[in-house]
Protein backbone atom coordinates (compact mmCIF):
# COMPACT_ATOMS: atom_id res chain seq x y z
CA MET A 1 -20.90 76.79 25.13
CA GLU A 2 -18.73 78.55 22.59
CA THR A 3 -15.69 76.58 21.46
CA ASN A 4 -12.47 77.64 19.85
CA GLN A 5 -10.84 75.43 17.23
CA ILE A 6 -7.08 75.63 16.82
CA ASN A 7 -5.62 74.25 13.59
CA SER A 8 -2.24 72.57 13.68
CA ASN A 9 -0.66 75.16 11.40
CA GLU A 10 -1.70 78.16 13.49
CA SER A 11 1.01 79.91 15.43
CA LEU A 12 0.35 80.74 19.07
CA ASN A 13 1.90 83.43 21.20
CA GLU A 14 1.78 84.45 24.83
CA ASP A 15 -0.90 87.07 24.20
CA ASN A 16 -3.33 84.29 23.32
CA PHE A 17 -3.15 83.07 26.88
CA SER A 18 -3.67 86.17 28.98
CA ALA A 19 -6.14 85.71 31.81
CA SER A 20 -8.80 87.62 29.92
CA ASN A 21 -8.92 85.55 26.76
CA ILE A 22 -7.99 81.95 27.54
CA SER A 23 -10.65 79.72 26.05
CA THR A 24 -11.37 77.16 28.76
CA ASP A 25 -13.33 74.93 26.41
CA LYS A 26 -11.89 74.15 22.99
CA TYR A 27 -11.26 71.62 20.27
CA ILE A 28 -7.73 71.06 19.03
CA VAL A 29 -7.06 69.46 15.65
CA THR A 30 -4.34 66.85 16.15
CA ALA A 31 -4.53 65.02 12.80
CA PRO A 32 -6.64 65.24 9.64
CA ASN A 33 -10.31 65.05 10.67
CA ILE A 34 -9.41 64.44 14.31
CA LYS A 35 -10.46 66.96 16.95
CA LEU A 36 -9.79 66.45 20.65
CA TYR A 37 -11.92 68.13 23.27
CA VAL A 38 -9.77 70.06 25.74
CA LYS A 39 -10.45 71.87 29.00
CA ASP A 40 -7.88 74.53 29.88
CA TYR A 41 -8.20 76.11 33.31
CA GLY A 42 -6.10 78.38 35.52
CA GLN A 43 -2.67 79.95 35.26
CA GLY A 44 0.79 78.81 36.27
CA LYS A 45 2.90 75.79 35.41
CA PRO A 46 0.87 73.41 33.24
CA VAL A 47 -0.39 70.04 34.43
CA ILE A 48 -1.76 67.73 31.73
CA LEU A 49 -4.26 65.15 32.98
CA ILE A 50 -4.60 61.99 30.86
CA HIS A 51 -7.67 59.95 31.73
CA GLY A 52 -8.09 56.22 32.11
CA TRP A 53 -10.02 53.66 30.10
CA PRO A 54 -12.88 53.88 29.27
CA LEU A 55 -13.54 57.21 30.97
CA SER A 56 -13.10 60.83 29.82
CA ASN A 57 -11.67 64.07 31.20
CA GLU A 58 -14.55 64.37 33.67
CA MET A 59 -12.95 61.74 35.88
CA TRP A 60 -10.52 64.45 37.06
CA GLU A 61 -13.29 66.59 38.61
CA TYR A 62 -11.89 66.26 42.13
CA GLN A 63 -8.32 67.09 41.07
CA ILE A 64 -8.93 70.02 38.70
CA ASP A 65 -10.35 72.38 41.32
CA THR A 66 -7.56 71.69 43.79
CA LEU A 67 -4.84 72.19 41.19
CA VAL A 68 -6.30 75.44 39.83
CA GLN A 69 -6.80 76.80 43.35
CA ASN A 70 -3.12 76.08 44.01
CA ASN A 71 -1.93 78.13 41.02
CA PHE A 72 -1.49 75.51 38.32
CA ARG A 73 -2.74 75.61 34.78
CA VAL A 74 -4.70 72.42 34.17
CA ILE A 75 -5.22 70.84 30.75
CA ALA A 76 -7.60 67.88 30.75
CA TYR A 77 -8.58 66.34 27.43
CA ASP A 78 -10.63 63.49 26.01
CA ARG A 79 -8.56 60.83 24.26
CA ARG A 80 -9.65 60.19 20.66
CA GLY A 81 -12.64 57.86 20.70
CA PHE A 82 -13.79 59.00 24.14
CA GLY A 83 -15.93 61.76 25.60
CA LYS A 84 -16.49 64.64 23.22
CA SER A 85 -13.48 63.96 20.99
CA SER A 86 -13.59 62.58 17.46
CA GLN A 87 -14.31 58.86 17.21
CA PRO A 88 -12.35 57.53 14.22
CA TRP A 89 -12.30 53.85 13.32
CA ASN A 90 -8.53 53.50 13.75
CA GLY A 91 -5.67 55.19 15.57
CA TYR A 92 -5.83 53.66 19.04
CA ASP A 93 -2.24 52.44 19.21
CA TYR A 94 0.12 54.21 21.60
CA ASP A 95 2.20 55.80 18.83
CA THR A 96 -0.86 57.64 17.52
CA LEU A 97 -2.15 58.49 21.00
CA SER A 98 1.22 59.98 21.98
CA ASP A 99 1.23 61.95 18.72
CA ASP A 100 -2.15 63.40 19.76
CA LEU A 101 -0.61 64.38 23.10
CA LYS A 102 2.33 66.02 21.34
CA ALA A 103 -0.06 68.04 19.15
CA ILE A 104 -1.78 69.40 22.26
CA ILE A 105 1.53 70.31 23.90
CA ASP A 106 2.83 71.95 20.72
CA GLN A 107 -0.31 73.90 19.87
CA LEU A 108 -0.76 75.18 23.41
CA ASP A 109 2.97 75.98 23.50
CA LEU A 110 3.37 74.27 26.85
CA LYS A 111 6.68 74.32 28.69
CA GLU A 112 7.78 72.76 32.00
CA ALA A 113 4.58 70.73 32.03
CA THR A 114 3.82 67.79 34.27
CA LEU A 115 2.21 64.79 32.62
CA VAL A 116 -0.22 62.89 34.86
CA GLY A 117 -1.30 59.54 33.42
CA PHE A 118 -3.95 57.42 35.09
CA SER A 119 -4.13 53.70 34.26
CA MET A 120 -4.07 53.49 30.43
CA GLY A 121 -2.83 57.10 30.41
CA GLY A 122 0.46 55.99 31.91
CA GLY A 123 1.28 54.38 28.58
CA GLU A 124 0.87 57.68 26.77
CA VAL A 125 3.29 59.28 29.24
CA VAL A 126 5.98 56.65 28.59
CA ARG A 127 5.48 56.66 24.82
CA TYR A 128 5.64 60.46 24.74
CA PHE A 129 9.13 60.26 26.24
CA SER A 130 10.37 57.41 24.05
CA ARG A 131 8.82 58.75 20.83
CA HIS A 132 8.99 62.53 21.32
CA GLY A 133 11.83 62.95 23.79
CA GLY A 134 9.64 64.39 26.53
CA LYS A 135 9.59 67.81 24.85
CA GLY A 136 8.13 70.49 27.13
CA VAL A 137 7.79 68.15 30.11
CA SER A 138 9.64 68.58 33.40
CA LYS A 139 7.86 66.03 35.65
CA ALA A 140 5.72 62.93 35.32
CA VAL A 141 3.12 61.19 37.48
CA PHE A 142 1.81 57.65 37.10
CA ILE A 143 -1.40 56.79 38.98
CA SER A 144 -2.62 53.17 38.96
CA SER A 145 -0.70 52.87 35.70
CA VAL A 146 -0.70 49.89 33.33
CA THR A 147 3.03 50.32 32.67
CA PRO A 148 5.39 48.63 32.06
CA PHE A 149 3.64 45.46 30.76
CA GLN A 150 0.54 43.51 31.75
CA LEU A 151 0.31 40.56 29.37
CA LYS A 152 1.51 37.13 30.47
CA THR A 153 4.35 35.93 28.25
CA ASP A 154 7.44 33.76 28.65
CA SER A 155 9.39 36.85 29.70
CA ASN A 156 6.53 38.15 31.88
CA PRO A 157 5.17 35.01 33.58
CA ALA A 158 3.33 36.91 36.33
CA GLY A 159 1.24 38.87 33.84
CA VAL A 160 -2.44 38.56 32.96
CA SER A 161 -3.32 35.80 30.51
CA GLN A 162 -4.45 36.56 26.98
CA GLU A 163 -7.52 34.42 27.67
CA LYS A 164 -8.67 36.83 30.36
CA TYR A 165 -8.36 39.80 28.01
CA ASP A 166 -10.14 37.85 25.26
CA SER A 167 -12.98 37.11 27.68
CA MET A 168 -13.21 40.80 28.56
CA ALA A 169 -13.42 41.73 24.87
CA GLU A 170 -16.21 39.19 24.33
CA GLN A 171 -18.16 40.65 27.25
CA ILE A 172 -17.80 44.13 25.78
CA LYS A 173 -19.01 42.93 22.39
CA ASP A 174 -21.95 41.04 23.91
CA ASP A 175 -23.18 43.67 26.40
CA ARG A 176 -20.91 46.70 26.71
CA ILE A 177 -23.03 48.53 29.30
CA GLY A 178 -23.43 45.39 31.38
CA PHE A 179 -19.67 44.93 31.29
CA LEU A 180 -19.14 48.55 32.36
CA ASP A 181 -21.49 48.07 35.30
CA SER A 182 -19.54 45.09 36.61
CA PHE A 183 -16.17 46.63 35.74
CA GLY A 184 -17.00 49.80 37.68
CA LYS A 185 -17.63 47.91 40.89
CA THR A 186 -14.21 46.26 40.75
CA PHE A 187 -12.64 49.56 39.64
CA PHE A 188 -13.80 51.31 42.82
CA GLY A 189 -13.55 48.37 45.20
CA VAL A 190 -17.28 47.89 45.69
CA SER A 191 -18.36 44.63 47.35
CA PHE A 192 -21.08 43.31 49.65
CA ILE A 193 -19.20 44.61 52.66
CA SER A 194 -17.49 47.68 51.14
CA LYS A 195 -19.31 50.56 49.45
CA PRO A 196 -16.76 53.40 49.19
CA ILE A 197 -18.74 55.19 46.48
CA SER A 198 -22.43 56.10 46.28
CA THR A 199 -24.68 54.32 43.80
CA PRO A 200 -25.54 57.57 41.95
CA LEU A 201 -21.84 58.40 41.50
CA LEU A 202 -21.07 54.87 40.37
CA ASP A 203 -23.88 55.20 37.82
CA TYR A 204 -22.44 58.54 36.68
CA TYR A 205 -19.03 57.05 35.98
CA ARG A 206 -20.69 54.19 34.07
CA MET A 207 -22.52 56.79 31.99
CA LEU A 208 -19.24 58.56 31.17
CA CYS A 209 -17.77 55.25 30.02
CA SER A 210 -20.85 54.54 27.89
CA PHE A 211 -20.19 57.66 25.79
CA ALA A 212 -16.97 56.11 24.46
CA SER A 213 -16.94 54.66 20.98
CA PRO A 214 -17.45 50.88 21.16
CA ARG A 215 -14.61 50.51 18.64
CA ALA A 216 -12.30 52.72 20.72
CA THR A 217 -13.22 50.81 23.87
CA LEU A 218 -12.13 47.53 22.31
CA GLU A 219 -9.06 48.82 20.47
CA CYS A 220 -7.71 50.71 23.48
CA ALA A 221 -8.18 47.63 25.65
CA LYS A 222 -6.05 45.77 23.12
CA SER A 223 -3.39 48.50 23.28
CA PHE A 224 -3.06 48.74 27.04
CA SER A 225 -3.16 44.98 27.55
CA THR A 226 -0.54 44.03 24.93
CA THR A 227 1.89 46.96 24.67
CA ASP A 228 5.26 46.23 26.24
CA PHE A 229 6.87 49.41 27.60
CA ARG A 230 9.68 47.74 29.52
CA ARG A 231 12.49 48.94 27.26
CA GLU A 232 11.04 52.45 27.14
CA MET A 233 10.67 53.11 30.85
CA ALA A 234 14.20 54.49 31.23
CA THR A 235 13.39 57.25 28.72
CA VAL A 236 11.24 58.88 31.40
CA ASN A 237 14.18 61.00 32.47
CA VAL A 238 12.45 63.56 34.69
CA PRO A 239 11.46 63.46 38.37
CA THR A 240 8.57 61.02 38.56
CA LEU A 241 5.88 60.17 41.10
CA ILE A 242 4.35 56.68 41.03
CA ILE A 243 1.17 56.02 43.03
CA HIS A 244 -0.73 52.73 43.20
CA GLY A 245 -3.18 50.99 45.52
CA ASP A 246 -2.11 47.59 46.84
CA GLU A 247 -5.69 46.25 46.56
CA ASP A 248 -6.02 47.19 42.90
CA LYS A 249 -7.82 44.28 41.22
CA THR A 250 -8.07 46.08 37.87
CA VAL A 251 -4.36 46.79 37.32
CA PRO A 252 -2.42 44.69 39.85
CA ILE A 253 0.40 46.61 41.51
CA GLU A 254 2.74 43.59 41.49
CA ILE A 255 3.05 43.45 37.70
CA THR A 256 2.98 47.19 37.07
CA SER A 257 4.11 49.92 39.46
CA GLU A 258 6.30 47.68 41.60
CA ILE A 259 8.30 46.95 38.46
CA ALA A 260 8.05 50.49 37.07
CA THR A 261 9.75 51.93 40.13
CA LYS A 262 12.80 49.79 39.29
CA LEU A 263 12.91 50.95 35.66
CA ILE A 264 12.35 54.72 35.84
CA PRO A 265 15.61 56.40 36.90
CA ASP A 266 14.36 59.15 39.23
CA ASN A 267 11.12 58.27 41.00
CA LYS A 268 9.22 58.33 44.26
CA PHE A 269 6.86 55.41 44.84
CA ILE A 270 3.84 55.76 47.12
CA VAL A 271 1.64 52.76 47.91
CA TYR A 272 -1.92 53.40 49.09
CA GLU A 273 -2.64 50.56 51.49
CA GLY A 274 -5.99 48.88 50.98
CA ALA A 275 -6.87 51.08 48.00
CA PRO A 276 -8.48 49.90 44.73
CA HIS A 277 -7.92 51.19 41.20
CA GLY A 278 -10.03 54.36 41.19
CA LEU A 279 -7.79 56.50 43.37
CA PHE A 280 -8.96 59.78 41.78
CA TYR A 281 -12.17 59.43 43.77
CA ILE A 282 -11.69 56.80 46.49
CA GLU A 283 -8.45 58.45 47.75
CA LYS A 284 -9.03 61.92 46.33
CA ASP A 285 -7.88 63.90 49.38
CA LYS A 286 -4.68 61.92 49.84
CA LEU A 287 -4.03 61.91 46.10
CA ASN A 288 -4.47 65.68 45.83
CA LYS A 289 -2.12 66.23 48.76
CA ASP A 290 0.56 63.98 47.26
CA LEU A 291 0.17 65.58 43.83
CA LEU A 292 0.57 69.10 45.20
CA GLU A 293 3.58 68.12 47.31
CA PHE A 294 5.28 66.64 44.25
CA LEU A 295 4.32 69.49 41.91
CA ASN A 296 5.67 72.07 44.36
CA SER A 297 8.88 70.20 45.09
CA GLU A 298 12.19 71.40 43.70
CA ILE A 299 13.49 67.92 42.79
């Protein structure tokens, strides 16, 4: 497929984005020697989909079609280190990741965009507001988000222990694909008595995760498990939708979204009863309905 590279110093104008010449498959240079793979579909107000760890933009398959069919422009990209994007050795802290997001927004000249962050992607949403003032963004959505803070500390006694994250890192180093296989089952709520996802689809998501750089997989896990966003949450000063499953064993709702809803000034909080982490597939119809309702609202 033909791709179109956009350098950071190129100027863009509205003519570039007429229906006849939008490149739906492109690479955007966000930093020296860093290219991010971007899908750009549809017309209308932009919705930027930020994927979870350790997936890629393909996880949004069941949302992209619905959003485009309902007259939104959808931008879904691979975070550095994942999917088809560049895989540098460093740059997996949230400052750098939010700078990558800013470069996409600037170079595509996006205005009145909605940021949708799933899991790890919620951190990029918060850091974009605290670091870049939320430029070009009019709404935000957090789905199964890691924010505001997951690590157990004296000031966050209900968090996850460092020992658990260290054990996870050791499993990744020892047998990354084996870890991904086990992780995926918990991610989608698979058990002996519950199989909400087919085996072929579960294998497909594991394959997507396997394409990530091993270095990026480890470094991003460090970022989302140790970054404290609590003081930044109030900078998300736009209407916000927070969605989380109350049976999420990957990112527990009690230490994340239940706290986030108290820290973000203007938000609507929806709890999916009995739902695991992977809402983009397990609850795709309900999620799409709630997304469209929020995107179309005047609040």
